[in-house]
Amino acid sequence: MTYVLTTIGRDSKVAILECDDSEEPLKGERKISFATLLLNVKSGLFVDMTNKVNYSGKVFVLKDDLSG
């Protein structure tokens, strides 16, 4: 799996999406490593929102974007 740093939703929340390895980032998006994902989730910077969105892979949203 590949992890892509991007924005989602009408209000452009910063998110990390789990994608197929063949997925190429669009303009403004960046691939990140699994280690980087874990560091950001363990530190509390990103929150797992997988069960709250309609997406086939895992979704992690920037915690600060959820409080707005």
PDB file of N, CA and C in Angstrom:
ATOM      1  N   MET A   1       0.822  -1.189   0.000  1.00  0.00           N
ATOM      2  CA  MET A   1       0.000   0.000   0.000  1.00  0.00           C
ATOM      3  C   MET A   1       0.867   1.254   0.000  1.00  0.00           C
ATOM      4  N   THR A   2       0.297   2.313  -0.529  1.00  0.00           N
ATOM      5  CA  THR A   2       0.931   3.630  -0.583  1.00  0.00           C
ATOM      6  C   THR A   2       0.094   4.589   0.244  1.00  0.00           C
ATOM      7  N   TYR A   3       0.736   5.573   0.838  1.00  0.00           N
ATOM      8  CA  TYR A   3       0.044   6.589   1.629  1.00  0.00           C
ATOM      9  C   TYR A   3       0.288   7.948   0.995  1.00  0.00           C
ATOM     10  N   VAL A   4      -0.819   8.681   0.763  1.00  0.00           N
ATOM     11  CA  VAL A   4      -0.751   9.963   0.063  1.00  0.00           C
ATOM     12  C   VAL A   4      -1.274  11.069   0.972  1.00  0.00           C
ATOM     13  N   LEU A   5      -0.470  12.109   1.120  1.00  0.00           N
ATOM     14  CA  LEU A   5      -0.858  13.305   1.859  1.00  0.00           C
ATOM     15  C   LEU A   5      -1.602  14.214   0.887  1.00  0.00           C
ATOM     16  N   THR A   6      -2.843  14.582   1.247  1.00  0.00           N
ATOM     17  CA  THR A   6      -3.700  15.334   0.337  1.00  0.00           C
ATOM     18  C   THR A   6      -4.701  16.155   1.136  1.00  0.00           C
ATOM     19  N   THR A   7      -5.684  16.707   0.468  1.00  0.00           N
ATOM     20  CA  THR A   7      -6.799  17.362   1.147  1.00  0.00           C
ATOM     21  C   THR A   7      -8.089  16.704   0.677  1.00  0.00           C
ATOM     22  N   ILE A   8      -9.100  16.678   1.571  1.00  0.00           N
ATOM     23  CA  ILE A   8     -10.382  16.046   1.240  1.00  0.00           C
ATOM     24  C   ILE A   8     -11.537  16.927   1.698  1.00  0.00           C
ATOM     25  N   GLY A   9     -12.687  16.726   1.085  1.00  0.00           N
ATOM     26  CA  GLY A   9     -13.906  17.408   1.500  1.00  0.00           C
ATOM     27  C   GLY A   9     -14.023  18.820   0.967  1.00  0.00           C
ATOM     28  N   ARG A  10     -15.219  19.382   1.165  1.00  0.00           N
ATOM     29  CA  ARG A  10     -15.483  20.751   0.693  1.00  0.00           C
ATOM     30  C   ARG A  10     -14.612  21.775   1.406  1.00  0.00           C
ATOM     31  N   ASP A  11     -14.259  21.469   2.665  1.00  0.00           N
ATOM     32  CA  ASP A  11     -13.452  22.423   3.438  1.00  0.00           C
ATOM     33  C   ASP A  11     -11.970  22.076   3.439  1.00  0.00           C
ATOM     34  N   SER A  12     -11.554  21.192   2.534  1.00  0.00           N
ATOM     35  CA  SER A  12     -10.140  20.859   2.293  1.00  0.00           C
ATOM     36  C   SER A  12      -9.373  20.480   3.553  1.00  0.00           C
ATOM     37  N   LYS A  13      -9.872  19.472   4.261  1.00  0.00           N
ATOM     38  CA  LYS A  13      -9.155  18.962   5.432  1.00  0.00           C
ATOM     39  C   LYS A  13      -7.886  18.241   4.971  1.00  0.00           C
ATOM     40  N   VAL A  14      -6.789  18.428   5.697  1.00  0.00           N
ATOM     41  CA  VAL A  14      -5.545  17.733   5.381  1.00  0.00           C
ATOM     42  C   VAL A  14      -5.702  16.281   5.810  1.00  0.00           C
ATOM     43  N   ALA A  15      -5.382  15.358   4.906  1.00  0.00           N
ATOM     44  CA  ALA A  15      -5.595  13.942   5.175  1.00  0.00           C
ATOM     45  C   ALA A  15      -4.483  13.087   4.574  1.00  0.00           C
ATOM     46  N   ILE A  16      -4.341  11.909   5.149  1.00  0.00           N
ATOM     47  CA  ILE A  16      -3.468  10.879   4.596  1.00  0.00           C
ATOM     48  C   ILE A  16      -4.376   9.729   4.191  1.00  0.00           C
ATOM     49  N   LEU A  17      -4.306   9.333   2.910  1.00  0.00           N
ATOM     50  CA  LEU A  17      -5.140   8.269   2.383  1.00  0.00           C
ATOM     51  C   LEU A  17      -4.303   7.049   2.040  1.00  0.00           C
ATOM     52  N   GLU A  18      -4.814   5.878   2.366  1.00  0.00           N
ATOM     53  CA  GLU A  18      -4.192   4.625   1.958  1.00  0.00           C
ATOM     54  C   GLU A  18      -4.657   4.313   0.546  1.00  0.00           C
ATOM     55  N   CYS A  19      -3.713   4.119  -0.369  1.00  0.00           N
ATOM     56  CA  CYS A  19      -4.034   3.902  -1.786  1.00  0.00           C
ATOM     57  C   CYS A  19      -3.288   2.676  -2.303  1.00  0.00           C
ATOM     58  N   ASP A  20      -3.714   2.209  -3.468  1.00  0.00           N
ATOM     59  CA  ASP A  20      -2.973   1.141  -4.148  1.00  0.00           C
ATOM     60  C   ASP A  20      -1.588   1.649  -4.522  1.00  0.00           C
ATOM     61  N   ASP A  21      -0.637   0.731  -4.612  1.00  0.00           N
ATOM     62  CA  ASP A  21       0.734   1.102  -4.968  1.00  0.00           C
ATOM     63  C   ASP A  21       0.816   1.774  -6.338  1.00  0.00           C
ATOM     64  N   SER A  22      -0.117   1.461  -7.223  1.00  0.00           N
ATOM     65  CA  SER A  22      -0.094   2.038  -8.567  1.00  0.00           C
ATOM     66  C   SER A  22      -0.605   3.484  -8.600  1.00  0.00           C
ATOM     67  N   GLU A  23      -1.201   3.935  -7.512  1.00  0.00           N
ATOM     68  CA  GLU A  23      -1.758   5.296  -7.444  1.00  0.00           C
ATOM     69  C   GLU A  23      -0.629   6.333  -7.492  1.00  0.00           C
ATOM     70  N   GLU A  24      -0.767   7.284  -8.388  1.00  0.00           N
ATOM     71  CA  GLU A  24       0.210   8.370  -8.496  1.00  0.00           C
ATOM     72  C   GLU A  24      -0.398   9.641  -7.908  1.00  0.00           C
ATOM     73  N   PRO A  25       0.348  10.359  -7.076  1.00  0.00           N
ATOM     74  CA  PRO A  25      -0.177  11.598  -6.493  1.00  0.00           C
ATOM     75  C   PRO A  25      -0.498  12.632  -7.565  1.00  0.00           C
ATOM     76  N   LEU A  26      -1.565  13.387  -7.332  1.00  0.00           N
ATOM     77  CA  LEU A  26      -1.924  14.490  -8.212  1.00  0.00           C
ATOM     78  C   LEU A  26      -1.108  15.719  -7.822  1.00  0.00           C
ATOM     79  N   LYS A  27      -1.236  16.784  -8.573  1.00  0.00           N
ATOM     80  CA  LYS A  27      -0.512  18.015  -8.283  1.00  0.00           C
ATOM     81  C   LYS A  27      -0.841  18.476  -6.862  1.00  0.00           C
ATOM     82  N   GLY A  28       0.179  18.756  -6.084  1.00  0.00           N
ATOM     83  CA  GLY A  28      -0.001  19.210  -4.706  1.00  0.00           C
ATOM     84  C   GLY A  28      -0.064  18.096  -3.684  1.00  0.00           C
ATOM     85  N   GLU A  29      -0.158  16.856  -4.120  1.00  0.00           N
ATOM     86  CA  GLU A  29      -0.170  15.712  -3.209  1.00  0.00           C
ATOM     87  C   GLU A  29       1.236  15.135  -3.087  1.00  0.00           C
ATOM     88  N   ARG A  30       1.473  14.401  -2.007  1.00  0.00           N
ATOM     89  CA  ARG A  30       2.784  13.783  -1.788  1.00  0.00           C
ATOM     90  C   ARG A  30       2.620  12.379  -1.233  1.00  0.00           C
ATOM     91  N   LYS A  31       3.435  11.442  -1.727  1.00  0.00           N
ATOM     92  CA  LYS A  31       3.493  10.116  -1.123  1.00  0.00           C
ATOM     93  C   LYS A  31       4.315  10.209   0.148  1.00  0.00           C
ATOM     94  N   ILE A  32       3.901   9.486   1.183  1.00  0.00           N
ATOM     95  CA  ILE A  32       4.682   9.416   2.417  1.00  0.00           C
ATOM     96  C   ILE A  32       4.885   7.948   2.780  1.00  0.00           C
ATOM     97  N   SER A  33       5.866   7.677   3.600  1.00  0.00           N
ATOM     98  CA  SER A  33       6.158   6.309   4.003  1.00  0.00           C
ATOM     99  C   SER A  33       5.218   5.863   5.125  1.00  0.00           C
ATOM    100  N   PHE A  34       5.125   4.560   5.316  1.00  0.00           N
ATOM    101  CA  PHE A  34       4.337   4.008   6.406  1.00  0.00           C
ATOM    102  C   PHE A  34       4.893   4.477   7.748  1.00  0.00           C
ATOM    103  N   ALA A  35       6.218   4.569   7.854  1.00  0.00           N
ATOM    104  CA  ALA A  35       6.857   5.043   9.090  1.00  0.00           C
ATOM    105  C   ALA A  35       6.435   6.480   9.409  1.00  0.00           C
ATOM    106  N   THR A  36       6.345   7.316   8.392  1.00  0.00           N
ATOM    107  CA  THR A  36       5.902   8.704   8.582  1.00  0.00           C
ATOM    108  C   THR A  36       4.447   8.738   9.034  1.00  0.00           C
ATOM    109  N   LEU A  37       3.617   7.899   8.433  1.00  0.00           N
ATOM    110  CA  LEU A  37       2.220   7.802   8.851  1.00  0.00           C
ATOM    111  C   LEU A  37       2.138   7.422  10.324  1.00  0.00           C
ATOM    112  N   LEU A  38       2.850   6.369  10.711  1.00  0.00           N
ATOM    113  CA  LEU A  38       2.809   5.915  12.108  1.00  0.00           C
ATOM    114  C   LEU A  38       3.259   6.997  13.076  1.00  0.00           C
ATOM    115  N   LEU A  39       4.310   7.696  12.746  1.00  0.00           N
ATOM    116  CA  LEU A  39       4.818   8.769  13.597  1.00  0.00           C
ATOM    117  C   LEU A  39       3.752   9.849  13.804  1.00  0.00           C
ATOM    118  N   ASN A  40       3.081  10.228  12.729  1.00  0.00           N
ATOM    119  CA  ASN A  40       2.059  11.266  12.804  1.00  0.00           C
ATOM    120  C   ASN A  40       0.807  10.816  13.556  1.00  0.00           C
ATOM    121  N   VAL A  41       0.444   9.551  13.452  1.00  0.00           N
ATOM    122  CA  VAL A  41      -0.723   9.031  14.171  1.00  0.00           C
ATOM    123  C   VAL A  41      -0.385   8.834  15.652  1.00  0.00           C
ATOM    124  N   LYS A  42       0.765   8.251  15.937  1.00  0.00           N
ATOM    125  CA  LYS A  42       1.160   8.022  17.336  1.00  0.00           C
ATOM    126  C   LYS A  42       1.351   9.328  18.104  1.00  0.00           C
ATOM    127  N   SER A  43       1.772  10.373  17.421  1.00  0.00           N
ATOM    128  CA  SER A  43       1.970  11.666  18.082  1.00  0.00           C
ATOM    129  C   SER A  43       0.644  12.396  18.310  1.00  0.00           C
ATOM    130  N   GLY A  44      -0.430  11.908  17.684  1.00  0.00           N
ATOM    131  CA  GLY A  44      -1.739  12.538  17.824  1.00  0.00           C
ATOM    132  C   GLY A  44      -2.011  13.629  16.811  1.00  0.00           C
ATOM    133  N   LEU A  45      -1.076  13.844  15.893  1.00  0.00           N
ATOM    134  CA  LEU A  45      -1.246  14.888  14.883  1.00  0.00           C
ATOM    135  C   LEU A  45      -2.365  14.536  13.899  1.00  0.00           C
ATOM    136  N   PHE A  46      -2.450  13.246  13.521  1.00  0.00           N
ATOM    137  CA  PHE A  46      -3.500  12.760  12.632  1.00  0.00           C
ATOM    138  C   PHE A  46      -4.362  11.740  13.368  1.00  0.00           C
ATOM    139  N   VAL A  47      -5.667  11.719  13.044  1.00  0.00           N
ATOM    140  CA  VAL A  47      -6.638  10.840  13.694  1.00  0.00           C
ATOM    141  C   VAL A  47      -7.227   9.892  12.650  1.00  0.00           C
ATOM    142  N   ASP A  48      -7.359   8.621  13.023  1.00  0.00           N
ATOM    143  CA  ASP A  48      -7.944   7.622  12.130  1.00  0.00           C
ATOM    144  C   ASP A  48      -9.450   7.876  11.998  1.00  0.00           C
ATOM    145  N   MET A  49      -9.885   8.179  10.782  1.00  0.00           N
ATOM    146  CA  MET A  49     -11.301   8.460  10.507  1.00  0.00           C
ATOM    147  C   MET A  49     -11.887   7.427   9.529  1.00  0.00           C
ATOM    148  N   THR A  50     -11.215   6.300   9.393  1.00  0.00           N
ATOM    149  CA  THR A  50     -11.596   5.282   8.414  1.00  0.00           C
ATOM    150  C   THR A  50     -13.061   4.875   8.533  1.00  0.00           C
ATOM    151  N   ASN A  51     -13.551   4.679   9.745  1.00  0.00           N
ATOM    152  CA  ASN A  51     -14.919   4.202   9.939  1.00  0.00           C
ATOM    153  C   ASN A  51     -15.977   5.305   9.815  1.00  0.00           C
ATOM    154  N   LYS A  52     -15.546   6.539   9.587  1.00  0.00           N
ATOM    155  CA  LYS A  52     -16.491   7.656   9.515  1.00  0.00           C
ATOM    156  C   LYS A  52     -16.618   8.249   8.120  1.00  0.00           C
ATOM    157  N   VAL A  53     -15.905   7.678   7.153  1.00  0.00           N
ATOM    158  CA  VAL A  53     -15.955   8.191   5.781  1.00  0.00           C
ATOM    159  C   VAL A  53     -16.233   7.056   4.799  1.00  0.00           C
ATOM    160  N   ASN A  54     -16.662   7.413   3.626  1.00  0.00           N
ATOM    161  CA  ASN A  54     -16.948   6.446   2.576  1.00  0.00           C
ATOM    162  C   ASN A  54     -15.742   6.370   1.641  1.00  0.00           C
ATOM    163  N   TYR A  55     -14.778   5.525   2.013  1.00  0.00           N
ATOM    164  CA  TYR A  55     -13.551   5.364   1.228  1.00  0.00           C
ATOM    165  C   TYR A  55     -13.072   3.938   1.411  1.00  0.00           C
ATOM    166  N   SER A  56     -12.520   3.334   0.373  1.00  0.00           N
ATOM    167  CA  SER A  56     -12.147   1.920   0.420  1.00  0.00           C
ATOM    168  C   SER A  56     -10.902   1.632   1.247  1.00  0.00           C
ATOM    169  N   GLY A  57     -10.036   2.640   1.451  1.00  0.00           N
ATOM    170  CA  GLY A  57      -8.821   2.443   2.239  1.00  0.00           C
ATOM    171  C   GLY A  57      -8.898   3.185   3.560  1.00  0.00           C
ATOM    172  N   LYS A  58      -7.794   3.200   4.265  1.00  0.00           N
ATOM    173  CA  LYS A  58      -7.729   3.915   5.540  1.00  0.00           C
ATOM    174  C   LYS A  58      -7.621   5.417   5.295  1.00  0.00           C
ATOM    175  N   VAL A  59      -8.190   6.197   6.225  1.00  0.00           N
ATOM    176  CA  VAL A  59      -8.186   7.649   6.120  1.00  0.00           C
ATOM    177  C   VAL A  59      -7.782   8.233   7.468  1.00  0.00           C
ATOM    178  N   PHE A  60      -6.791   9.103   7.447  1.00  0.00           N
ATOM    179  CA  PHE A  60      -6.319   9.788   8.650  1.00  0.00           C
ATOM    180  C   PHE A  60      -6.411  11.291   8.391  1.00  0.00           C
ATOM    181  N   VAL A  61      -7.053  12.020   9.308  1.00  0.00           N
ATOM    182  CA  VAL A  61      -7.283  13.456   9.117  1.00  0.00           C
ATOM    183  C   VAL A  61      -6.512  14.245  10.178  1.00  0.00           C
ATOM    184  N   LEU A  62      -5.970  15.394   9.776  1.00  0.00           N
ATOM    185  CA  LEU A  62      -5.257  16.264  10.684  1.00  0.00           C
ATOM    186  C   LEU A  62      -6.183  16.663  11.834  1.00  0.00           C
ATOM    187  N   LYS A  63      -5.758  16.406  13.051  1.00  0.00           N
ATOM    188  CA  LYS A  63      -6.600  16.645  14.232  1.00  0.00           C
ATOM    189  C   LYS A  63      -7.086  18.095  14.304  1.00  0.00           C
ATOM    190  N   ASP A  64      -6.229  19.042  14.010  1.00  0.00           N
ATOM    191  CA  ASP A  64      -6.607  20.464  14.051  1.00  0.00           C
ATOM    192  C   ASP A  64      -7.728  20.792  13.071  1.00  0.00           C
ATOM    193  N   ASP A  65      -7.829  20.060  11.964  1.00  0.00           N
ATOM    194  CA  ASP A  65      -8.885  20.300  10.987  1.00  0.00           C
ATOM    195  C   ASP A  65     -10.230  19.750  11.445  1.00  0.00           C
ATOM    196  N   LEU A  66     -10.229  18.869  12.428  1.00  0.00           N
ATOM    197  CA  LEU A  66     -11.477  18.286  12.933  1.00  0.00           C
ATOM    198  C   LEU A  66     -12.157  19.177  13.957  1.00  0.00           C
ATOM    199  N   SER A  67     -11.430  20.086  14.549  1.00  0.00           N
ATOM    200  CA  SER A  67     -11.994  20.914  15.615  1.00  0.00           C
ATOM    201  C   SER A  67     -12.672  22.172  15.096  1.00  0.00           C
ATOM    202  N   GLY A  68     -12.648  22.380  13.786  1.00  0.00           N
ATOM    203  CA  GLY A  68     -13.198  23.603  13.218  1.00  0.00           C
ATOM    204  C   GLY A  68     -14.622  23.557  12.848  1.00  0.00           C
TER     205      GLY A  68
END
